[in-house]
N, C-alpha and C. Protein backbone atom coordinates (compact mmCIF):
# COMPACT_ATOMS: atom_id res chain seq x y z
N MET A 1 -9.38 147.35 -29.11
CA MET A 1 -10.80 147.04 -29.35
C MET A 1 -11.01 145.54 -29.16
N SER A 2 -12.03 145.16 -28.39
CA SER A 2 -12.27 143.74 -28.13
C SER A 2 -12.98 143.09 -29.32
N ALA A 3 -12.88 141.77 -29.38
CA ALA A 3 -13.49 141.02 -30.48
C ALA A 3 -15.01 140.99 -30.32
N PRO A 4 -15.75 140.70 -31.41
CA PRO A 4 -17.21 140.54 -31.30
C PRO A 4 -17.56 139.44 -30.30
N ARG A 5 -18.69 139.59 -29.64
CA ARG A 5 -19.08 138.65 -28.60
C ARG A 5 -19.43 137.29 -29.20
N ARG A 6 -18.81 136.24 -28.66
CA ARG A 6 -19.05 134.87 -29.11
C ARG A 6 -20.07 134.16 -28.25
N PHE A 7 -20.09 134.47 -26.95
CA PHE A 7 -20.98 133.80 -26.01
C PHE A 7 -21.91 134.83 -25.35
N ASP A 8 -23.19 134.50 -25.30
CA ASP A 8 -24.15 135.36 -24.62
C ASP A 8 -24.17 135.10 -23.12
N LEU A 9 -24.01 133.84 -22.73
CA LEU A 9 -24.10 133.43 -21.33
C LEU A 9 -22.78 132.80 -20.91
N ILE A 10 -22.19 133.33 -19.84
CA ILE A 10 -20.97 132.76 -19.26
C ILE A 10 -21.30 132.32 -17.84
N VAL A 11 -21.11 131.04 -17.58
CA VAL A 11 -21.47 130.45 -16.29
C VAL A 11 -20.20 130.00 -15.58
N PHE A 12 -20.08 130.38 -14.32
CA PHE A 12 -18.92 130.05 -13.51
C PHE A 12 -19.28 129.04 -12.43
N ASP A 13 -18.38 128.10 -12.19
CA ASP A 13 -18.38 127.38 -10.93
C ASP A 13 -17.98 128.38 -9.85
N TRP A 14 -18.16 128.00 -8.59
CA TRP A 14 -17.86 128.94 -7.50
C TRP A 14 -16.55 128.58 -6.80
N ASP A 15 -16.58 127.52 -5.99
CA ASP A 15 -15.40 127.17 -5.19
C ASP A 15 -14.25 126.72 -6.08
N GLY A 16 -13.09 127.34 -5.90
CA GLY A 16 -11.91 126.98 -6.67
C GLY A 16 -11.83 127.63 -8.04
N THR A 17 -12.90 128.33 -8.43
CA THR A 17 -12.91 129.03 -9.72
C THR A 17 -12.94 130.54 -9.51
N LEU A 18 -13.90 131.01 -8.73
CA LEU A 18 -13.98 132.42 -8.36
C LEU A 18 -13.49 132.64 -6.93
N PHE A 19 -13.76 131.67 -6.08
CA PHE A 19 -13.50 131.80 -4.65
C PHE A 19 -12.34 130.89 -4.26
N ASP A 20 -11.38 131.42 -3.53
CA ASP A 20 -10.19 130.67 -3.13
C ASP A 20 -10.53 129.85 -1.89
N SER A 21 -11.24 128.74 -2.10
CA SER A 21 -11.83 128.00 -0.98
C SER A 21 -11.45 126.52 -0.94
N THR A 22 -10.64 126.06 -1.89
CA THR A 22 -10.34 124.63 -1.97
C THR A 22 -9.73 124.09 -0.69
N ALA A 23 -8.70 124.75 -0.18
CA ALA A 23 -8.00 124.25 1.00
C ALA A 23 -8.93 124.19 2.21
N LEU A 24 -9.77 125.21 2.38
CA LEU A 24 -10.67 125.22 3.53
C LEU A 24 -11.71 124.10 3.43
N ILE A 25 -12.27 123.87 2.26
CA ILE A 25 -13.24 122.80 2.09
C ILE A 25 -12.62 121.45 2.43
N VAL A 26 -11.40 121.22 1.95
CA VAL A 26 -10.70 119.97 2.26
C VAL A 26 -10.56 119.80 3.77
N ARG A 27 -10.13 120.85 4.46
CA ARG A 27 -9.92 120.77 5.91
C ARG A 27 -11.25 120.53 6.63
N CYS A 28 -12.33 121.12 6.15
CA CYS A 28 -13.62 120.94 6.82
C CYS A 28 -14.17 119.53 6.62
N ILE A 29 -13.98 118.96 5.44
CA ILE A 29 -14.37 117.57 5.22
C ILE A 29 -13.59 116.66 6.17
N GLN A 30 -12.29 116.88 6.27
CA GLN A 30 -11.45 116.05 7.13
C GLN A 30 -11.82 116.23 8.60
N ALA A 31 -12.10 117.46 9.02
CA ALA A 31 -12.48 117.71 10.42
C ALA A 31 -13.80 117.04 10.76
N ALA A 32 -14.74 117.05 9.82
CA ALA A 32 -16.03 116.39 10.05
C ALA A 32 -15.85 114.89 10.23
N CYS A 33 -14.93 114.31 9.44
CA CYS A 33 -14.65 112.87 9.59
C CYS A 33 -14.04 112.56 10.95
N VAL A 34 -13.15 113.42 11.41
CA VAL A 34 -12.56 113.24 12.73
C VAL A 34 -13.64 113.29 13.80
N ASP A 35 -14.57 114.23 13.67
CA ASP A 35 -15.65 114.36 14.65
C ASP A 35 -16.46 113.07 14.77
N LEU A 36 -16.67 112.39 13.63
CA LEU A 36 -17.49 111.17 13.63
C LEU A 36 -16.67 109.91 13.88
N GLY A 37 -15.34 110.06 13.94
CA GLY A 37 -14.50 108.90 14.18
C GLY A 37 -14.42 107.95 13.01
N VAL A 38 -14.52 108.48 11.78
CA VAL A 38 -14.44 107.64 10.58
C VAL A 38 -13.14 107.95 9.85
N ALA A 39 -12.80 107.13 8.87
CA ALA A 39 -11.56 107.29 8.12
C ALA A 39 -11.50 108.68 7.49
N VAL A 40 -10.36 109.33 7.65
CA VAL A 40 -10.18 110.69 7.15
C VAL A 40 -9.60 110.62 5.73
N PRO A 41 -10.28 111.20 4.74
CA PRO A 41 -9.75 111.16 3.38
C PRO A 41 -8.49 111.99 3.25
N SER A 42 -7.65 111.62 2.30
CA SER A 42 -6.45 112.41 2.01
C SER A 42 -6.85 113.75 1.41
N ASP A 43 -5.87 114.65 1.30
CA ASP A 43 -6.14 115.94 0.68
C ASP A 43 -6.67 115.77 -0.73
N SER A 44 -6.07 114.88 -1.50
CA SER A 44 -6.48 114.70 -2.90
C SER A 44 -7.86 114.07 -2.99
N GLN A 45 -8.17 113.12 -2.08
CA GLN A 45 -9.50 112.50 -2.08
C GLN A 45 -10.58 113.53 -1.73
N ALA A 46 -10.29 114.36 -0.75
CA ALA A 46 -11.26 115.38 -0.35
C ALA A 46 -11.42 116.45 -1.43
N ALA A 47 -10.31 116.84 -2.07
CA ALA A 47 -10.38 117.87 -3.11
C ALA A 47 -11.15 117.37 -4.33
N TYR A 48 -11.06 116.08 -4.61
CA TYR A 48 -11.73 115.54 -5.80
C TYR A 48 -13.23 115.78 -5.78
N VAL A 49 -13.85 115.76 -4.59
CA VAL A 49 -15.31 115.84 -4.52
C VAL A 49 -15.83 117.27 -4.54
N ILE A 50 -14.94 118.26 -4.52
CA ILE A 50 -15.38 119.65 -4.56
C ILE A 50 -16.10 119.91 -5.88
N GLY A 51 -17.25 120.54 -5.77
CA GLY A 51 -18.08 120.79 -6.94
C GLY A 51 -19.29 119.89 -7.01
N LEU A 52 -19.22 118.74 -6.34
CA LEU A 52 -20.37 117.86 -6.26
C LEU A 52 -21.33 118.35 -5.19
N GLY A 53 -22.57 117.93 -5.26
CA GLY A 53 -23.49 118.17 -4.16
C GLY A 53 -23.01 117.44 -2.91
N LEU A 54 -23.44 117.88 -1.75
CA LEU A 54 -22.90 117.35 -0.50
C LEU A 54 -23.11 115.84 -0.39
N HIS A 55 -24.27 115.32 -0.74
CA HIS A 55 -24.54 113.89 -0.64
C HIS A 55 -23.56 113.11 -1.51
N ASP A 56 -23.39 113.51 -2.77
CA ASP A 56 -22.47 112.82 -3.66
C ASP A 56 -21.03 112.98 -3.19
N ALA A 57 -20.70 114.14 -2.66
CA ALA A 57 -19.34 114.38 -2.18
C ALA A 57 -18.99 113.44 -1.03
N LEU A 58 -19.91 113.29 -0.08
CA LEU A 58 -19.63 112.43 1.07
C LEU A 58 -19.57 110.97 0.64
N GLN A 59 -20.38 110.59 -0.34
CA GLN A 59 -20.37 109.22 -0.83
C GLN A 59 -19.00 108.86 -1.41
N HIS A 60 -18.37 109.82 -2.10
CA HIS A 60 -17.06 109.58 -2.69
C HIS A 60 -15.93 109.73 -1.67
N ALA A 61 -16.03 110.75 -0.81
CA ALA A 61 -14.93 111.04 0.11
C ALA A 61 -14.86 110.04 1.26
N VAL A 62 -16.01 109.52 1.70
CA VAL A 62 -16.06 108.60 2.84
C VAL A 62 -16.87 107.38 2.43
N PRO A 63 -16.34 106.55 1.53
CA PRO A 63 -17.14 105.46 0.96
C PRO A 63 -17.59 104.42 1.97
N GLY A 64 -16.91 104.29 3.10
CA GLY A 64 -17.30 103.29 4.09
C GLY A 64 -18.37 103.75 5.06
N LEU A 65 -18.80 105.00 4.95
CA LEU A 65 -19.79 105.53 5.89
C LEU A 65 -21.19 105.10 5.49
N PRO A 66 -21.97 104.52 6.40
CA PRO A 66 -23.35 104.17 6.06
C PRO A 66 -24.14 105.42 5.66
N GLU A 67 -25.00 105.26 4.68
CA GLU A 67 -25.76 106.41 4.18
C GLU A 67 -26.62 107.04 5.27
N SER A 68 -27.00 106.25 6.25
CA SER A 68 -27.82 106.78 7.34
C SER A 68 -27.08 107.84 8.15
N ARG A 69 -25.73 107.86 8.04
CA ARG A 69 -24.95 108.83 8.80
C ARG A 69 -24.55 110.05 7.96
N TYR A 70 -24.96 110.09 6.70
CA TYR A 70 -24.63 111.25 5.85
C TYR A 70 -25.12 112.56 6.46
N PRO A 71 -26.39 112.61 6.95
CA PRO A 71 -26.84 113.88 7.53
C PRO A 71 -25.97 114.34 8.69
N GLU A 72 -25.52 113.39 9.53
CA GLU A 72 -24.67 113.72 10.67
C GLU A 72 -23.34 114.30 10.20
N LEU A 73 -22.73 113.66 9.20
CA LEU A 73 -21.46 114.15 8.68
C LEU A 73 -21.64 115.50 7.98
N GLY A 74 -22.76 115.62 7.26
CA GLY A 74 -23.04 116.89 6.61
C GLY A 74 -23.17 118.03 7.61
N LEU A 75 -23.82 117.78 8.73
CA LEU A 75 -23.97 118.81 9.75
C LEU A 75 -22.61 119.22 10.32
N ARG A 76 -21.74 118.25 10.55
CA ARG A 76 -20.42 118.58 11.09
C ARG A 76 -19.59 119.34 10.06
N TYR A 77 -19.72 118.97 8.77
CA TYR A 77 -19.02 119.72 7.72
C TYR A 77 -19.49 121.18 7.71
N ARG A 78 -20.81 121.37 7.73
CA ARG A 78 -21.34 122.74 7.69
C ARG A 78 -20.90 123.53 8.93
N HIS A 79 -20.87 122.85 10.08
CA HIS A 79 -20.42 123.51 11.31
C HIS A 79 -19.02 124.09 11.11
N HIS A 80 -18.11 123.28 10.62
CA HIS A 80 -16.72 123.75 10.43
C HIS A 80 -16.65 124.81 9.33
N TYR A 81 -17.40 124.60 8.24
CA TYR A 81 -17.31 125.54 7.11
C TYR A 81 -17.86 126.91 7.48
N PHE A 82 -19.05 126.95 8.06
CA PHE A 82 -19.65 128.25 8.37
C PHE A 82 -18.88 128.98 9.47
N ALA A 83 -18.18 128.23 10.32
CA ALA A 83 -17.38 128.87 11.36
C ALA A 83 -16.15 129.57 10.78
N ARG A 84 -15.73 129.14 9.58
CA ARG A 84 -14.49 129.68 9.02
C ARG A 84 -14.67 130.37 7.66
N GLN A 85 -15.90 130.46 7.17
CA GLN A 85 -16.08 130.99 5.83
C GLN A 85 -15.65 132.46 5.71
N HIS A 86 -15.59 133.17 6.86
CA HIS A 86 -15.13 134.56 6.82
C HIS A 86 -13.68 134.67 6.37
N GLU A 87 -12.94 133.55 6.40
CA GLU A 87 -11.54 133.56 5.98
C GLU A 87 -11.39 133.56 4.46
N LEU A 88 -12.47 133.26 3.75
CA LEU A 88 -12.38 133.05 2.31
C LEU A 88 -12.39 134.37 1.55
N VAL A 89 -11.70 134.37 0.42
CA VAL A 89 -11.63 135.56 -0.43
C VAL A 89 -11.75 135.14 -1.89
N LEU A 90 -12.15 136.09 -2.72
CA LEU A 90 -12.11 135.89 -4.16
C LEU A 90 -10.67 135.83 -4.61
N PHE A 91 -10.43 135.09 -5.69
CA PHE A 91 -9.10 135.13 -6.29
C PHE A 91 -8.82 136.56 -6.75
N PRO A 92 -7.58 137.03 -6.63
CA PRO A 92 -7.25 138.38 -7.08
C PRO A 92 -7.65 138.60 -8.53
N GLY A 93 -8.29 139.74 -8.79
CA GLY A 93 -8.68 140.09 -10.15
C GLY A 93 -10.06 139.61 -10.55
N THR A 94 -10.74 138.86 -9.67
CA THR A 94 -12.04 138.30 -10.04
C THR A 94 -13.09 139.39 -10.25
N LEU A 95 -13.18 140.34 -9.35
CA LEU A 95 -14.18 141.40 -9.49
C LEU A 95 -13.96 142.20 -10.77
N GLU A 96 -12.71 142.52 -11.06
CA GLU A 96 -12.41 143.27 -12.29
C GLU A 96 -12.84 142.48 -13.52
N MET A 97 -12.59 141.18 -13.52
CA MET A 97 -12.98 140.33 -14.65
C MET A 97 -14.50 140.31 -14.82
N LEU A 98 -15.23 140.15 -13.72
CA LEU A 98 -16.68 140.08 -13.81
C LEU A 98 -17.27 141.40 -14.29
N HIS A 99 -16.76 142.51 -13.79
CA HIS A 99 -17.24 143.81 -14.24
C HIS A 99 -16.95 144.03 -15.72
N ALA A 100 -15.81 143.57 -16.18
CA ALA A 100 -15.47 143.71 -17.61
C ALA A 100 -16.42 142.90 -18.48
N LEU A 101 -16.80 141.72 -18.03
CA LEU A 101 -17.75 140.90 -18.78
C LEU A 101 -19.14 141.53 -18.79
N LYS A 102 -19.55 142.10 -17.67
CA LYS A 102 -20.85 142.79 -17.63
C LYS A 102 -20.85 143.97 -18.59
N ALA A 103 -19.71 144.66 -18.69
CA ALA A 103 -19.61 145.81 -19.59
C ALA A 103 -19.74 145.38 -21.05
N ARG A 104 -19.43 144.12 -21.34
CA ARG A 104 -19.59 143.57 -22.69
C ARG A 104 -20.99 142.98 -22.90
N ASN A 105 -21.85 143.14 -21.91
CA ASN A 105 -23.25 142.70 -21.98
C ASN A 105 -23.42 141.19 -22.05
N HIS A 106 -22.49 140.46 -21.44
CA HIS A 106 -22.71 139.03 -21.23
C HIS A 106 -23.67 138.84 -20.06
N TRP A 107 -24.53 137.82 -20.16
CA TRP A 107 -25.22 137.35 -18.97
C TRP A 107 -24.23 136.50 -18.18
N LEU A 108 -24.22 136.66 -16.86
CA LEU A 108 -23.32 135.91 -16.00
C LEU A 108 -24.12 135.02 -15.06
N GLY A 109 -23.72 133.76 -14.97
CA GLY A 109 -24.39 132.81 -14.10
C GLY A 109 -23.42 132.05 -13.22
N VAL A 110 -23.96 131.37 -12.24
CA VAL A 110 -23.19 130.48 -11.36
C VAL A 110 -23.88 129.13 -11.33
N ALA A 111 -23.11 128.07 -11.50
CA ALA A 111 -23.59 126.70 -11.35
C ALA A 111 -22.64 126.01 -10.37
N THR A 112 -23.12 125.71 -9.18
CA THR A 112 -22.24 125.30 -8.11
C THR A 112 -22.79 124.11 -7.33
N GLY A 113 -21.88 123.34 -6.76
CA GLY A 113 -22.25 122.26 -5.87
C GLY A 113 -22.61 122.73 -4.48
N LYS A 114 -22.47 124.03 -4.20
CA LYS A 114 -22.83 124.57 -2.89
C LYS A 114 -24.34 124.47 -2.68
N SER A 115 -24.76 124.62 -1.45
CA SER A 115 -26.18 124.75 -1.14
C SER A 115 -26.62 126.18 -1.43
N ARG A 116 -27.94 126.36 -1.54
CA ARG A 116 -28.46 127.73 -1.73
C ARG A 116 -28.07 128.63 -0.57
N ARG A 117 -28.19 128.12 0.65
CA ARG A 117 -27.80 128.93 1.80
C ARG A 117 -26.32 129.31 1.72
N GLY A 118 -25.49 128.33 1.37
CA GLY A 118 -24.05 128.60 1.32
C GLY A 118 -23.70 129.62 0.26
N LEU A 119 -24.31 129.51 -0.93
CA LEU A 119 -24.01 130.46 -1.98
C LEU A 119 -24.51 131.85 -1.62
N ASP A 120 -25.73 131.94 -1.10
CA ASP A 120 -26.26 133.26 -0.75
C ASP A 120 -25.41 133.95 0.31
N GLU A 121 -24.94 133.19 1.28
CA GLU A 121 -24.09 133.79 2.31
C GLU A 121 -22.76 134.24 1.71
N ALA A 122 -22.22 133.45 0.78
CA ALA A 122 -20.98 133.85 0.12
C ALA A 122 -21.18 135.11 -0.72
N LEU A 123 -22.28 135.17 -1.43
CA LEU A 123 -22.57 136.35 -2.25
C LEU A 123 -22.71 137.59 -1.38
N ASP A 124 -23.35 137.45 -0.24
CA ASP A 124 -23.48 138.58 0.67
C ASP A 124 -22.13 138.99 1.23
N THR A 125 -21.31 138.00 1.56
CA THR A 125 -20.03 138.28 2.19
C THR A 125 -19.14 139.12 1.28
N VAL A 126 -19.11 138.81 0.02
CA VAL A 126 -18.19 139.51 -0.89
C VAL A 126 -18.92 140.56 -1.74
N GLN A 127 -20.16 140.83 -1.40
CA GLN A 127 -20.93 141.90 -2.04
C GLN A 127 -20.98 141.75 -3.57
N LEU A 128 -21.37 140.56 -3.98
CA LEU A 128 -21.44 140.27 -5.42
C LEU A 128 -22.86 140.33 -5.96
N ARG A 129 -23.84 140.56 -5.11
CA ARG A 129 -25.21 140.59 -5.61
C ARG A 129 -25.35 141.68 -6.66
N GLY A 130 -26.03 141.34 -7.75
CA GLY A 130 -26.19 142.27 -8.86
C GLY A 130 -25.25 141.99 -10.01
N LEU A 131 -24.13 141.31 -9.73
CA LEU A 131 -23.21 140.96 -10.81
C LEU A 131 -23.69 139.72 -11.56
N PHE A 132 -24.32 138.79 -10.87
CA PHE A 132 -24.78 137.56 -11.50
C PHE A 132 -26.27 137.66 -11.82
N ASP A 133 -26.62 137.26 -13.03
CA ASP A 133 -27.99 137.37 -13.50
C ASP A 133 -28.84 136.19 -13.04
N ALA A 134 -28.22 135.05 -12.77
CA ALA A 134 -28.94 133.87 -12.28
C ALA A 134 -27.94 132.89 -11.71
N THR A 135 -28.38 132.09 -10.73
CA THR A 135 -27.51 131.10 -10.11
C THR A 135 -28.30 129.82 -9.87
N ARG A 136 -27.57 128.71 -9.84
CA ARG A 136 -28.16 127.41 -9.51
C ARG A 136 -27.23 126.69 -8.54
N THR A 137 -27.85 126.01 -7.55
CA THR A 137 -27.09 125.26 -6.56
C THR A 137 -27.52 123.80 -6.57
N ALA A 138 -26.69 122.95 -5.98
CA ALA A 138 -26.92 121.50 -6.08
C ALA A 138 -28.17 121.05 -5.33
N ASP A 139 -28.58 121.80 -4.30
CA ASP A 139 -29.74 121.36 -3.52
C ASP A 139 -31.07 121.81 -4.13
N GLU A 140 -31.05 122.56 -5.23
CA GLU A 140 -32.30 122.97 -5.87
C GLU A 140 -32.43 122.42 -7.28
N THR A 141 -31.44 121.67 -7.73
CA THR A 141 -31.49 121.03 -9.04
C THR A 141 -30.61 119.79 -8.95
N ALA A 142 -30.24 119.19 -10.08
CA ALA A 142 -29.41 117.98 -10.04
C ALA A 142 -27.94 118.34 -9.84
N SER A 143 -27.24 117.49 -9.10
CA SER A 143 -25.83 117.71 -8.84
C SER A 143 -25.00 117.47 -10.11
N LYS A 144 -23.87 118.15 -10.21
CA LYS A 144 -22.93 117.90 -11.30
C LYS A 144 -22.46 116.44 -11.25
N PRO A 145 -22.15 115.86 -12.42
CA PRO A 145 -22.09 116.48 -13.75
C PRO A 145 -23.38 116.37 -14.55
N ALA A 146 -24.51 116.06 -13.92
CA ALA A 146 -25.78 116.10 -14.64
C ALA A 146 -25.96 117.49 -15.22
N PRO A 147 -26.51 117.62 -16.42
CA PRO A 147 -26.54 118.91 -17.10
C PRO A 147 -27.66 119.85 -16.68
N LEU A 148 -28.54 119.43 -15.75
CA LEU A 148 -29.78 120.16 -15.52
C LEU A 148 -29.54 121.60 -15.10
N MET A 149 -28.61 121.87 -14.19
CA MET A 149 -28.46 123.25 -13.72
C MET A 149 -28.03 124.18 -14.86
N LEU A 150 -27.18 123.70 -15.74
CA LEU A 150 -26.76 124.51 -16.88
C LEU A 150 -27.89 124.64 -17.90
N GLN A 151 -28.62 123.57 -18.11
CA GLN A 151 -29.77 123.64 -19.02
C GLN A 151 -30.81 124.63 -18.52
N GLN A 152 -31.04 124.65 -17.21
CA GLN A 152 -32.00 125.60 -16.64
C GLN A 152 -31.56 127.04 -16.87
N LEU A 153 -30.28 127.31 -16.70
CA LEU A 153 -29.77 128.66 -16.92
C LEU A 153 -29.91 129.05 -18.38
N MET A 154 -29.62 128.13 -19.29
CA MET A 154 -29.75 128.44 -20.72
C MET A 154 -31.21 128.72 -21.08
N ARG A 155 -32.13 127.92 -20.52
CA ARG A 155 -33.55 128.15 -20.80
C ARG A 155 -34.02 129.49 -20.23
N GLU A 156 -33.52 129.84 -19.06
CA GLU A 156 -33.94 131.09 -18.42
C GLU A 156 -33.66 132.31 -19.31
N PHE A 157 -32.55 132.26 -20.04
CA PHE A 157 -32.17 133.40 -20.87
C PHE A 157 -32.39 133.15 -22.36
N GLY A 158 -32.92 131.98 -22.71
CA GLY A 158 -33.17 131.68 -24.10
C GLY A 158 -31.90 131.59 -24.92
N VAL A 159 -30.84 131.03 -24.34
CA VAL A 159 -29.53 130.96 -24.98
C VAL A 159 -29.26 129.53 -25.43
N ASP A 160 -28.80 129.36 -26.65
CA ASP A 160 -28.44 128.05 -27.16
C ASP A 160 -27.14 127.56 -26.53
N PRO A 161 -26.91 126.24 -26.48
CA PRO A 161 -25.65 125.72 -25.97
C PRO A 161 -24.42 126.28 -26.69
N ALA A 162 -24.55 126.52 -27.99
CA ALA A 162 -23.42 127.04 -28.76
C ALA A 162 -23.02 128.45 -28.34
N ARG A 163 -23.93 129.17 -27.65
CA ARG A 163 -23.65 130.53 -27.20
C ARG A 163 -23.43 130.58 -25.69
N THR A 164 -23.15 129.41 -25.10
CA THR A 164 -22.97 129.29 -23.65
C THR A 164 -21.58 128.77 -23.34
N LEU A 165 -20.93 129.37 -22.34
CA LEU A 165 -19.59 128.98 -21.91
C LEU A 165 -19.61 128.67 -20.43
N MET A 166 -19.09 127.50 -20.06
CA MET A 166 -18.97 127.08 -18.65
C MET A 166 -17.51 127.11 -18.26
N ILE A 167 -17.22 127.68 -17.08
CA ILE A 167 -15.84 127.81 -16.59
C ILE A 167 -15.75 127.16 -15.22
N GLY A 168 -14.81 126.24 -15.04
CA GLY A 168 -14.68 125.58 -13.75
C GLY A 168 -13.31 125.00 -13.51
N ASP A 169 -13.10 124.56 -12.28
CA ASP A 169 -11.79 124.06 -11.85
C ASP A 169 -11.77 122.55 -11.68
N THR A 170 -12.87 121.86 -12.01
CA THR A 170 -12.91 120.41 -11.80
C THR A 170 -13.42 119.70 -13.05
N THR A 171 -13.13 118.42 -13.12
CA THR A 171 -13.66 117.61 -14.21
C THR A 171 -15.18 117.52 -14.13
N HIS A 172 -15.75 117.67 -12.93
CA HIS A 172 -17.21 117.67 -12.80
C HIS A 172 -17.82 118.85 -13.57
N ASP A 173 -17.15 120.02 -13.49
CA ASP A 173 -17.63 121.20 -14.20
C ASP A 173 -17.55 121.01 -15.71
N LEU A 174 -16.44 120.45 -16.17
CA LEU A 174 -16.25 120.29 -17.61
C LEU A 174 -17.17 119.20 -18.16
N GLN A 175 -17.39 118.14 -17.39
CA GLN A 175 -18.34 117.10 -17.82
C GLN A 175 -19.76 117.66 -17.86
N LEU A 176 -20.10 118.51 -16.90
CA LEU A 176 -21.40 119.19 -16.92
C LEU A 176 -21.58 119.94 -18.24
N ALA A 177 -20.55 120.69 -18.66
CA ALA A 177 -20.64 121.44 -19.91
C ALA A 177 -20.78 120.51 -21.11
N VAL A 178 -20.00 119.44 -21.12
CA VAL A 178 -20.10 118.46 -22.21
C VAL A 178 -21.52 117.91 -22.28
N ASN A 179 -22.07 117.52 -21.13
CA ASN A 179 -23.40 116.93 -21.10
C ASN A 179 -24.48 117.90 -21.55
N ALA A 180 -24.24 119.20 -21.36
CA ALA A 180 -25.21 120.21 -21.76
C ALA A 180 -24.94 120.74 -23.17
N GLY A 181 -23.85 120.32 -23.79
CA GLY A 181 -23.52 120.77 -25.13
C GLY A 181 -22.91 122.15 -25.19
N ALA A 182 -22.38 122.63 -24.07
CA ALA A 182 -21.82 123.99 -24.00
C ALA A 182 -20.30 123.96 -24.13
N ALA A 183 -19.75 125.09 -24.54
CA ALA A 183 -18.29 125.25 -24.57
C ALA A 183 -17.77 125.32 -23.14
N ARG A 184 -16.47 125.10 -22.94
CA ARG A 184 -15.95 125.01 -21.58
C ARG A 184 -14.49 125.48 -21.51
N ILE A 185 -14.14 125.98 -20.32
CA ILE A 185 -12.79 126.40 -19.99
C ILE A 185 -12.45 125.81 -18.63
N GLY A 186 -11.23 125.30 -18.49
CA GLY A 186 -10.76 124.83 -17.20
C GLY A 186 -9.79 125.83 -16.59
N VAL A 187 -9.79 125.92 -15.28
CA VAL A 187 -8.79 126.73 -14.58
C VAL A 187 -7.97 125.81 -13.69
N SER A 188 -6.67 126.05 -13.66
CA SER A 188 -5.75 125.11 -13.03
C SER A 188 -5.45 125.42 -11.57
N PHE A 189 -6.07 126.49 -11.03
CA PHE A 189 -5.71 126.94 -9.68
C PHE A 189 -6.73 126.52 -8.63
N GLY A 190 -7.57 125.51 -8.95
CA GLY A 190 -8.58 125.04 -8.01
C GLY A 190 -8.33 123.65 -7.51
N ALA A 191 -9.36 122.79 -7.56
CA ALA A 191 -9.32 121.51 -6.87
C ALA A 191 -8.69 120.38 -7.66
N HIS A 192 -8.83 120.36 -9.00
CA HIS A 192 -8.36 119.23 -9.80
C HIS A 192 -7.12 119.57 -10.60
N GLU A 193 -6.31 118.54 -10.83
CA GLU A 193 -5.10 118.73 -11.62
C GLU A 193 -5.48 118.99 -13.08
N PRO A 194 -4.88 119.99 -13.71
CA PRO A 194 -5.30 120.37 -15.07
C PRO A 194 -5.04 119.31 -16.13
N GLU A 195 -4.15 118.36 -15.86
CA GLU A 195 -3.90 117.29 -16.83
C GLU A 195 -5.18 116.49 -17.11
N ALA A 196 -6.08 116.46 -16.13
CA ALA A 196 -7.33 115.70 -16.30
C ALA A 196 -8.33 116.41 -17.21
N PHE A 197 -8.08 117.68 -17.54
CA PHE A 197 -9.04 118.45 -18.33
C PHE A 197 -9.00 118.10 -19.82
N GLU A 198 -7.88 117.57 -20.28
CA GLU A 198 -7.69 117.37 -21.72
C GLU A 198 -8.80 116.52 -22.33
N ALA A 199 -9.27 115.54 -21.60
CA ALA A 199 -10.29 114.63 -22.13
C ALA A 199 -11.60 115.33 -22.43
N PHE A 200 -11.79 116.55 -21.89
CA PHE A 200 -13.05 117.27 -22.06
C PHE A 200 -12.95 118.38 -23.10
N ASP A 201 -11.83 118.47 -23.78
CA ASP A 201 -11.63 119.39 -24.90
C ASP A 201 -11.99 120.83 -24.54
N PRO A 202 -11.36 121.39 -23.50
CA PRO A 202 -11.65 122.79 -23.16
C PRO A 202 -11.07 123.74 -24.21
N LEU A 203 -11.68 124.90 -24.34
CA LEU A 203 -11.16 125.90 -25.26
C LEU A 203 -9.77 126.36 -24.83
N VAL A 204 -9.55 126.42 -23.54
CA VAL A 204 -8.26 126.81 -22.98
C VAL A 204 -8.24 126.36 -21.52
N VAL A 205 -7.05 126.19 -20.97
CA VAL A 205 -6.88 126.01 -19.53
C VAL A 205 -6.14 127.23 -19.02
N ALA A 206 -6.79 128.01 -18.18
CA ALA A 206 -6.19 129.23 -17.66
C ALA A 206 -5.47 128.94 -16.35
N HIS A 207 -4.30 129.53 -16.19
CA HIS A 207 -3.48 129.27 -15.01
C HIS A 207 -3.51 130.41 -13.99
N SER A 208 -4.31 131.42 -14.25
CA SER A 208 -4.52 132.51 -13.30
C SER A 208 -5.80 133.24 -13.70
N THR A 209 -6.37 133.99 -12.77
CA THR A 209 -7.54 134.79 -13.11
C THR A 209 -7.18 135.84 -14.15
N ALA A 210 -5.98 136.41 -14.06
CA ALA A 210 -5.55 137.40 -15.05
C ALA A 210 -5.52 136.80 -16.45
N GLN A 211 -5.02 135.57 -16.57
CA GLN A 211 -4.97 134.91 -17.87
C GLN A 211 -6.38 134.60 -18.37
N LEU A 212 -7.25 134.17 -17.47
CA LEU A 212 -8.65 133.91 -17.84
C LEU A 212 -9.32 135.19 -18.32
N HIS A 213 -9.13 136.28 -17.59
CA HIS A 213 -9.70 137.58 -17.96
C HIS A 213 -9.23 137.98 -19.36
N GLU A 214 -7.96 137.87 -19.59
CA GLU A 214 -7.41 138.25 -20.90
C GLU A 214 -8.01 137.42 -22.01
N TRP A 215 -8.14 136.12 -21.80
CA TRP A 215 -8.71 135.24 -22.84
C TRP A 215 -10.17 135.59 -23.11
N LEU A 216 -10.94 135.83 -22.05
CA LEU A 216 -12.35 136.11 -22.21
C LEU A 216 -12.59 137.41 -22.99
N VAL A 217 -11.83 138.44 -22.66
CA VAL A 217 -12.00 139.72 -23.36
C VAL A 217 -11.65 139.59 -24.83
N ALA A 218 -10.67 138.76 -25.13
CA ALA A 218 -10.23 138.61 -26.52
C ALA A 218 -11.06 137.61 -27.32
N ASN A 219 -11.70 136.64 -26.63
CA ASN A 219 -12.29 135.52 -27.35
C ASN A 219 -13.74 135.21 -27.04
N ALA A 220 -14.27 135.75 -25.95
CA ALA A 220 -15.63 135.39 -25.54
C ALA A 220 -16.68 136.37 -26.04
């Protein structure tokens, strides 16, 4: 028998949390830089910006690039990403976890640095429509770690921060939760090293989707 429900709203980051996309995003950022003939960020530099909105991500990943060229680099990134997004898959066990949470009558949300177009195409690709009750993307609200996208989701369902849980693979996700006053969980299989999560006081750091699923059923 599962424990009584602690959280009404559970919000997930997308890339690196539900979707195994970290390596591809890194490669697409690097390929876009090659196309423009600018300095190519290292794997760790490119991975660090995952979860941010595209403008903020490019500002961090390619600091020497004039802002006037951001749209050009963004177009090349999208070109590479959309050409290869069919290669992406959910982490094993993700669908089972989401269905189990729906069966417990949690509201499920997504707060992501992706664009609306990118998220909608991903949702269509993996046939997830109907599982999530609401989603927010960086191009329709403030980019992480500003709390606005999480605050909007909480307002939409009338849920207090104390009854809201944010789950993500980056410090941007955990800082977003801190800024919104919500509880948080880090996952170690995405873009950021889990040692960096300690400063954000997560309830737990999960090292696999199976471990995350088990914790949520027992504690959420």
